[in-house]
Amino acid sequence: MKNRRMRNADEILAHIEKFGVDRKDAESGDTRQPASRGGRRNRPHRLVLDLHGLRSDDAARQLRFALDRCRETGMRELLVIHGYGLHSDPAEGPVLKKLVRDLLEHDLRPKCRSYRTATIRDGGEGATLVAVR
């Protein structure tokens, strides 16, 4: 039993190495593309940008770049993870969160339809979900 499983695992790995992960049906001659669901394209609808540990100017640059990339590729959402601001100065509050919200409200307003606090599953108060134009 163990040898049989081992042989199957070796065969699977050899097949993946030969044909790649995307072409699992290549040996059978099936060259059809996988069907898309509901007419959707097979691409992610959201880009995730993690700004943890960045300085303000680097974070602003990354946010601008990510928004431009979303617009170029047709992604509808950008999830910006900025953290809760636990390591920020208590007198200033969450620096990256304020920076992201200010940029979205003023400088980047033409590029985004709206923004809001992310759902709990996506990071809650530590993240902002941007709807891209």
N, C-alpha and C. Protein backbone atom coordinates (compact mmCIF):
# COMPACT_ATOMS: atom_id res chain seq x y z
N MET A 1 0.83 -1.20 0.00
CA MET A 1 0.00 0.00 0.00
C MET A 1 0.87 1.25 0.00
N LYS A 2 1.90 1.26 0.84
CA LYS A 2 2.76 2.43 0.93
C LYS A 2 3.53 2.64 -0.37
N ASN A 3 4.02 1.55 -0.97
CA ASN A 3 4.73 1.66 -2.24
C ASN A 3 3.84 2.19 -3.35
N ARG A 4 2.59 1.78 -3.32
CA ARG A 4 1.64 2.25 -4.34
C ARG A 4 1.42 3.76 -4.21
N ARG A 5 1.23 4.22 -2.98
CA ARG A 5 1.06 5.67 -2.75
C ARG A 5 2.31 6.42 -3.17
N MET A 6 3.46 5.87 -2.83
CA MET A 6 4.70 6.52 -3.16
C MET A 6 4.87 6.61 -4.67
N ARG A 7 4.53 5.53 -5.38
CA ARG A 7 4.64 5.53 -6.82
C ARG A 7 3.69 6.56 -7.42
N ASN A 8 2.48 6.65 -6.91
CA ASN A 8 1.53 7.63 -7.40
C ASN A 8 2.03 9.05 -7.16
N ALA A 9 2.60 9.30 -6.02
CA ALA A 9 3.13 10.62 -5.71
C ALA A 9 4.28 10.95 -6.65
N ASP A 10 5.15 9.98 -6.92
CA ASP A 10 6.25 10.20 -7.86
C ASP A 10 5.74 10.48 -9.26
N GLU A 11 4.70 9.75 -9.67
CA GLU A 11 4.11 9.97 -10.99
C GLU A 11 3.50 11.36 -11.08
N ILE A 12 2.85 11.76 -10.04
CA ILE A 12 2.21 13.09 -10.02
C ILE A 12 3.27 14.18 -10.12
N LEU A 13 4.32 14.04 -9.32
CA LEU A 13 5.39 15.04 -9.36
C LEU A 13 6.08 15.08 -10.72
N ALA A 14 6.28 13.92 -11.32
CA ALA A 14 6.90 13.87 -12.65
C ALA A 14 6.00 14.54 -13.68
N HIS A 15 4.70 14.30 -13.57
CA HIS A 15 3.74 14.91 -14.50
C HIS A 15 3.73 16.43 -14.34
N ILE A 16 3.74 16.90 -13.11
CA ILE A 16 3.75 18.34 -12.86
C ILE A 16 5.02 18.97 -13.39
N GLU A 17 6.14 18.28 -13.18
CA GLU A 17 7.41 18.81 -13.67
C GLU A 17 7.43 18.86 -15.19
N LYS A 18 6.81 17.88 -15.84
CA LYS A 18 6.82 17.81 -17.30
C LYS A 18 5.85 18.82 -17.92
N PHE A 19 4.63 18.88 -17.41
CA PHE A 19 3.59 19.70 -18.02
C PHE A 19 3.26 20.98 -17.26
N GLY A 20 3.69 21.11 -16.02
CA GLY A 20 3.34 22.29 -15.22
C GLY A 20 2.03 22.09 -14.51
N VAL A 21 1.75 22.96 -13.59
CA VAL A 21 0.55 22.85 -12.77
C VAL A 21 -0.70 23.22 -13.54
N ASP A 22 -0.61 24.21 -14.42
CA ASP A 22 -1.78 24.70 -15.14
C ASP A 22 -2.30 23.71 -16.18
N ARG A 23 -1.46 22.79 -16.64
CA ARG A 23 -1.86 21.89 -17.71
C ARG A 23 -2.00 20.47 -17.21
N LYS A 24 -2.83 20.28 -16.22
CA LYS A 24 -2.98 18.96 -15.61
C LYS A 24 -3.58 17.93 -16.56
N ASP A 25 -4.30 18.38 -17.60
CA ASP A 25 -4.93 17.47 -18.54
C ASP A 25 -4.13 17.33 -19.84
N ALA A 26 -2.89 17.77 -19.85
CA ALA A 26 -2.09 17.79 -21.08
C ALA A 26 -1.87 16.40 -21.64
N GLU A 27 -1.62 15.41 -20.82
CA GLU A 27 -1.31 14.07 -21.31
C GLU A 27 -2.52 13.45 -21.99
N SER A 28 -3.71 13.80 -21.54
CA SER A 28 -4.91 13.23 -22.13
C SER A 28 -5.29 13.90 -23.44
N GLY A 29 -4.54 14.93 -23.83
CA GLY A 29 -4.83 15.60 -25.10
C GLY A 29 -5.89 16.68 -24.97
N ASP A 30 -6.36 16.94 -23.79
CA ASP A 30 -7.38 17.97 -23.58
C ASP A 30 -6.71 19.34 -23.57
N THR A 31 -6.93 20.12 -24.62
CA THR A 31 -6.27 21.42 -24.74
C THR A 31 -7.24 22.57 -24.51
N ARG A 32 -8.47 22.26 -24.10
CA ARG A 32 -9.44 23.32 -23.87
C ARG A 32 -9.04 24.18 -22.68
N GLN A 33 -9.40 25.44 -22.74
CA GLN A 33 -9.18 26.34 -21.61
C GLN A 33 -10.26 26.06 -20.57
N PRO A 34 -9.95 26.22 -19.30
CA PRO A 34 -10.99 26.03 -18.28
C PRO A 34 -12.11 27.02 -18.48
N ALA A 35 -13.32 26.55 -18.26
CA ALA A 35 -14.49 27.41 -18.44
C ALA A 35 -14.52 28.47 -17.36
N SER A 36 -14.87 29.68 -17.75
CA SER A 36 -15.00 30.74 -16.76
C SER A 36 -16.41 30.72 -16.19
N ARG A 37 -16.53 31.16 -14.96
CA ARG A 37 -17.83 31.15 -14.29
C ARG A 37 -18.56 32.45 -14.54
N GLY A 38 -19.73 32.35 -15.09
CA GLY A 38 -20.59 33.51 -15.24
C GLY A 38 -20.02 34.60 -16.14
N GLY A 39 -19.19 34.25 -17.08
CA GLY A 39 -18.65 35.25 -18.00
C GLY A 39 -17.53 36.08 -17.41
N ARG A 40 -17.12 35.78 -16.20
CA ARG A 40 -16.03 36.53 -15.58
C ARG A 40 -14.70 36.12 -16.19
N ARG A 41 -13.79 37.02 -16.19
CA ARG A 41 -12.43 36.69 -16.60
C ARG A 41 -11.74 36.00 -15.44
N ASN A 42 -10.77 35.17 -15.76
CA ASN A 42 -10.04 34.45 -14.72
C ASN A 42 -8.88 35.28 -14.20
N ARG A 43 -9.19 36.34 -13.51
CA ARG A 43 -8.15 37.14 -12.87
C ARG A 43 -8.70 37.66 -11.55
N PRO A 44 -7.82 37.92 -10.63
CA PRO A 44 -8.30 38.39 -9.33
C PRO A 44 -8.93 39.77 -9.46
N HIS A 45 -9.90 40.06 -8.63
CA HIS A 45 -10.57 41.36 -8.69
C HIS A 45 -10.01 42.33 -7.66
N ARG A 46 -9.01 41.89 -6.89
CA ARG A 46 -8.49 42.73 -5.82
C ARG A 46 -6.97 42.60 -5.73
N LEU A 47 -6.34 43.75 -5.53
CA LEU A 47 -4.91 43.79 -5.26
C LEU A 47 -4.74 44.12 -3.78
N VAL A 48 -3.78 43.48 -3.13
CA VAL A 48 -3.51 43.73 -1.71
C VAL A 48 -2.18 44.43 -1.58
N LEU A 49 -2.17 45.55 -0.87
CA LEU A 49 -0.96 46.33 -0.62
C LEU A 49 -0.71 46.38 0.88
N ASP A 50 0.43 45.88 1.32
CA ASP A 50 0.78 45.87 2.74
C ASP A 50 1.82 46.95 2.99
N LEU A 51 1.46 47.94 3.79
CA LEU A 51 2.34 49.07 4.08
C LEU A 51 3.05 48.97 5.42
N HIS A 52 2.91 47.86 6.12
CA HIS A 52 3.56 47.70 7.43
C HIS A 52 5.04 48.00 7.34
N GLY A 53 5.52 48.80 8.27
CA GLY A 53 6.95 49.06 8.40
C GLY A 53 7.51 50.08 7.43
N LEU A 54 6.68 50.66 6.57
CA LEU A 54 7.18 51.66 5.62
C LEU A 54 7.12 53.06 6.22
N ARG A 55 8.02 53.89 5.76
CA ARG A 55 7.98 55.31 6.12
C ARG A 55 6.89 55.98 5.29
N SER A 56 6.45 57.15 5.71
CA SER A 56 5.32 57.81 5.06
C SER A 56 5.54 58.05 3.58
N ASP A 57 6.72 58.54 3.19
CA ASP A 57 6.95 58.83 1.77
C ASP A 57 6.97 57.56 0.93
N ASP A 58 7.55 56.47 1.46
CA ASP A 58 7.54 55.20 0.75
C ASP A 58 6.12 54.63 0.65
N ALA A 59 5.36 54.76 1.71
CA ALA A 59 3.98 54.27 1.71
C ALA A 59 3.14 55.04 0.70
N ALA A 60 3.32 56.35 0.61
CA ALA A 60 2.58 57.15 -0.35
C ALA A 60 2.93 56.74 -1.78
N ARG A 61 4.21 56.51 -2.02
CA ARG A 61 4.65 56.09 -3.35
C ARG A 61 4.05 54.73 -3.72
N GLN A 62 4.07 53.80 -2.77
CA GLN A 62 3.52 52.46 -3.01
C GLN A 62 2.01 52.52 -3.27
N LEU A 63 1.31 53.37 -2.53
CA LEU A 63 -0.13 53.51 -2.72
C LEU A 63 -0.45 54.05 -4.11
N ARG A 64 0.28 55.07 -4.53
CA ARG A 64 0.06 55.62 -5.88
C ARG A 64 0.32 54.57 -6.95
N PHE A 65 1.43 53.84 -6.81
CA PHE A 65 1.78 52.81 -7.76
C PHE A 65 0.71 51.72 -7.81
N ALA A 66 0.24 51.27 -6.65
CA ALA A 66 -0.76 50.21 -6.59
C ALA A 66 -2.07 50.65 -7.22
N LEU A 67 -2.49 51.88 -6.99
CA LEU A 67 -3.72 52.38 -7.60
C LEU A 67 -3.59 52.44 -9.12
N ASP A 68 -2.44 52.90 -9.60
CA ASP A 68 -2.21 52.93 -11.05
C ASP A 68 -2.23 51.53 -11.63
N ARG A 69 -1.62 50.59 -10.92
CA ARG A 69 -1.59 49.21 -11.40
C ARG A 69 -3.00 48.62 -11.45
N CYS A 70 -3.82 48.91 -10.46
CA CYS A 70 -5.20 48.44 -10.46
C CYS A 70 -5.96 48.99 -11.67
N ARG A 71 -5.76 50.25 -11.95
CA ARG A 71 -6.45 50.86 -13.08
C ARG A 71 -5.98 50.28 -14.40
N GLU A 72 -4.69 50.01 -14.52
CA GLU A 72 -4.15 49.45 -15.76
C GLU A 72 -4.62 48.02 -16.01
N THR A 73 -4.74 47.24 -14.95
CA THR A 73 -5.10 45.84 -15.10
C THR A 73 -6.60 45.58 -14.97
N GLY A 74 -7.37 46.60 -14.63
CA GLY A 74 -8.81 46.43 -14.54
C GLY A 74 -9.30 45.88 -13.22
N MET A 75 -8.46 45.89 -12.20
CA MET A 75 -8.91 45.41 -10.89
C MET A 75 -9.84 46.45 -10.28
N ARG A 76 -10.84 45.95 -9.60
CA ARG A 76 -11.87 46.84 -9.07
C ARG A 76 -11.62 47.29 -7.65
N GLU A 77 -10.80 46.54 -6.90
CA GLU A 77 -10.56 46.86 -5.50
C GLU A 77 -9.09 46.81 -5.14
N LEU A 78 -8.74 47.64 -4.19
CA LEU A 78 -7.40 47.65 -3.62
C LEU A 78 -7.56 47.57 -2.11
N LEU A 79 -6.98 46.54 -1.51
CA LEU A 79 -7.01 46.41 -0.05
C LEU A 79 -5.67 46.91 0.47
N VAL A 80 -5.71 48.02 1.20
CA VAL A 80 -4.50 48.63 1.74
C VAL A 80 -4.41 48.26 3.21
N ILE A 81 -3.38 47.50 3.57
CA ILE A 81 -3.17 47.10 4.95
C ILE A 81 -2.16 48.07 5.56
N HIS A 82 -2.64 48.87 6.50
CA HIS A 82 -1.78 49.89 7.11
C HIS A 82 -1.53 49.63 8.59
N GLY A 83 -2.27 48.71 9.18
CA GLY A 83 -2.11 48.39 10.59
C GLY A 83 -2.95 49.30 11.47
N TYR A 84 -2.97 48.97 12.73
CA TYR A 84 -3.77 49.72 13.71
C TYR A 84 -3.06 50.94 14.25
N GLY A 85 -1.78 51.05 14.02
CA GLY A 85 -1.01 52.17 14.54
C GLY A 85 -0.53 51.95 15.96
N LEU A 86 -0.36 50.70 16.34
CA LEU A 86 0.05 50.40 17.71
C LEU A 86 1.47 50.88 18.01
N HIS A 87 2.31 51.00 16.98
CA HIS A 87 3.69 51.43 17.19
C HIS A 87 3.88 52.93 16.89
N SER A 88 2.78 53.61 16.62
CA SER A 88 2.85 55.06 16.38
C SER A 88 2.85 55.80 17.71
N ASP A 89 3.26 57.04 17.66
CA ASP A 89 3.24 57.89 18.84
C ASP A 89 1.78 58.08 19.28
N PRO A 90 1.46 57.81 20.53
CA PRO A 90 0.07 57.93 20.98
C PRO A 90 -0.51 59.33 20.76
N ALA A 91 0.32 60.36 20.80
CA ALA A 91 -0.17 61.72 20.58
C ALA A 91 -0.58 61.93 19.13
N GLU A 92 0.10 61.24 18.19
CA GLU A 92 -0.20 61.41 16.77
C GLU A 92 -1.28 60.46 16.27
N GLY A 93 -1.38 59.31 16.87
CA GLY A 93 -2.33 58.31 16.39
C GLY A 93 -1.73 57.49 15.26
N PRO A 94 -2.55 56.69 14.58
CA PRO A 94 -2.06 55.82 13.52
C PRO A 94 -1.60 56.62 12.28
N VAL A 95 -0.31 56.73 12.10
CA VAL A 95 0.27 57.57 11.06
C VAL A 95 -0.07 57.08 9.66
N LEU A 96 0.14 55.79 9.39
CA LEU A 96 -0.10 55.27 8.05
C LEU A 96 -1.59 55.30 7.69
N LYS A 97 -2.43 55.03 8.66
CA LYS A 97 -3.87 55.07 8.39
C LYS A 97 -4.29 56.48 8.00
N LYS A 98 -3.82 57.48 8.74
CA LYS A 98 -4.14 58.88 8.41
C LYS A 98 -3.60 59.24 7.04
N LEU A 99 -2.37 58.82 6.75
CA LEU A 99 -1.76 59.11 5.46
C LEU A 99 -2.58 58.54 4.31
N VAL A 100 -2.96 57.27 4.44
CA VAL A 100 -3.74 56.61 3.38
C VAL A 100 -5.07 57.32 3.18
N ARG A 101 -5.76 57.61 4.26
CA ARG A 101 -7.08 58.25 4.14
C ARG A 101 -6.96 59.66 3.56
N ASP A 102 -5.94 60.42 3.97
CA ASP A 102 -5.74 61.77 3.43
C ASP A 102 -5.43 61.74 1.94
N LEU A 103 -4.55 60.82 1.53
CA LEU A 103 -4.22 60.71 0.11
C LEU A 103 -5.45 60.33 -0.71
N LEU A 104 -6.24 59.39 -0.21
CA LEU A 104 -7.43 58.96 -0.94
C LEU A 104 -8.47 60.07 -1.01
N GLU A 105 -8.54 60.86 0.03
CA GLU A 105 -9.53 61.94 0.07
C GLU A 105 -9.15 63.10 -0.83
N HIS A 106 -7.86 63.39 -0.96
CA HIS A 106 -7.43 64.59 -1.68
C HIS A 106 -6.68 64.28 -2.98
N ASP A 107 -5.45 63.83 -2.87
CA ASP A 107 -4.60 63.66 -4.05
C ASP A 107 -5.08 62.57 -5.01
N LEU A 108 -5.55 61.46 -4.48
CA LEU A 108 -5.90 60.32 -5.32
C LEU A 108 -7.40 60.19 -5.56
N ARG A 109 -8.14 61.21 -5.24
CA ARG A 109 -9.60 61.19 -5.37
C ARG A 109 -10.07 60.85 -6.79
N PRO A 110 -9.42 61.37 -7.84
CA PRO A 110 -9.88 61.03 -9.20
C PRO A 110 -9.69 59.56 -9.56
N LYS A 111 -8.84 58.85 -8.84
CA LYS A 111 -8.55 57.46 -9.17
C LYS A 111 -9.40 56.46 -8.39
N CYS A 112 -10.08 56.92 -7.35
CA CYS A 112 -10.88 55.98 -6.56
C CYS A 112 -12.32 56.47 -6.45
N ARG A 113 -13.25 55.52 -6.54
CA ARG A 113 -14.67 55.84 -6.40
C ARG A 113 -15.00 56.12 -4.95
N SER A 114 -14.52 55.22 -4.08
CA SER A 114 -14.81 55.36 -2.65
C SER A 114 -13.80 54.52 -1.88
N TYR A 115 -13.83 54.69 -0.57
CA TYR A 115 -13.01 53.88 0.31
C TYR A 115 -13.73 53.74 1.64
N ARG A 116 -13.39 52.66 2.33
CA ARG A 116 -14.03 52.41 3.63
C ARG A 116 -13.14 51.50 4.45
N THR A 117 -13.44 51.40 5.71
CA THR A 117 -12.73 50.48 6.59
C THR A 117 -13.03 49.06 6.11
N ALA A 118 -12.03 48.22 6.08
CA ALA A 118 -12.19 46.85 5.61
C ALA A 118 -13.06 46.04 6.57
N THR A 119 -13.57 44.94 6.07
CA THR A 119 -14.34 44.04 6.93
C THR A 119 -13.39 43.40 7.94
N ILE A 120 -13.95 42.83 8.97
CA ILE A 120 -13.14 42.17 10.01
C ILE A 120 -12.26 41.10 9.38
N ARG A 121 -12.79 40.34 8.44
CA ARG A 121 -12.03 39.27 7.79
C ARG A 121 -10.82 39.80 7.02
N ASP A 122 -10.94 41.03 6.50
CA ASP A 122 -9.86 41.62 5.71
C ASP A 122 -8.93 42.50 6.52
N GLY A 123 -9.19 42.68 7.81
CA GLY A 123 -8.27 43.45 8.65
C GLY A 123 -8.94 44.50 9.50
N GLY A 124 -10.22 44.73 9.32
CA GLY A 124 -10.95 45.68 10.14
C GLY A 124 -10.35 47.07 10.11
N GLU A 125 -10.16 47.67 11.28
CA GLU A 125 -9.61 49.02 11.40
C GLU A 125 -8.17 49.13 10.94
N GLY A 126 -7.50 48.00 10.74
CA GLY A 126 -6.12 47.99 10.31
C GLY A 126 -5.95 47.98 8.80
N ALA A 127 -7.06 48.12 8.06
CA ALA A 127 -6.99 48.09 6.61
C ALA A 127 -8.08 48.98 6.01
N THR A 128 -7.84 49.43 4.79
CA THR A 128 -8.80 50.25 4.07
C THR A 128 -9.06 49.61 2.74
N LEU A 129 -10.33 49.47 2.38
CA LEU A 129 -10.74 48.90 1.10
C LEU A 129 -11.10 50.04 0.16
N VAL A 130 -10.41 50.08 -0.98
CA VAL A 130 -10.60 51.16 -1.95
C VAL A 130 -11.31 50.61 -3.18
N ALA A 131 -12.38 51.25 -3.61
CA ALA A 131 -13.05 50.93 -4.87
C ALA A 131 -12.40 51.80 -5.95
N VAL A 132 -11.77 51.14 -6.91
CA VAL A 132 -11.00 51.84 -7.94
C VAL A 132 -11.90 52.25 -9.09
N ARG A 133 -11.68 53.45 -9.63
CA ARG A 133 -12.42 53.92 -10.83
C ARG A 133 -11.94 53.22 -12.05
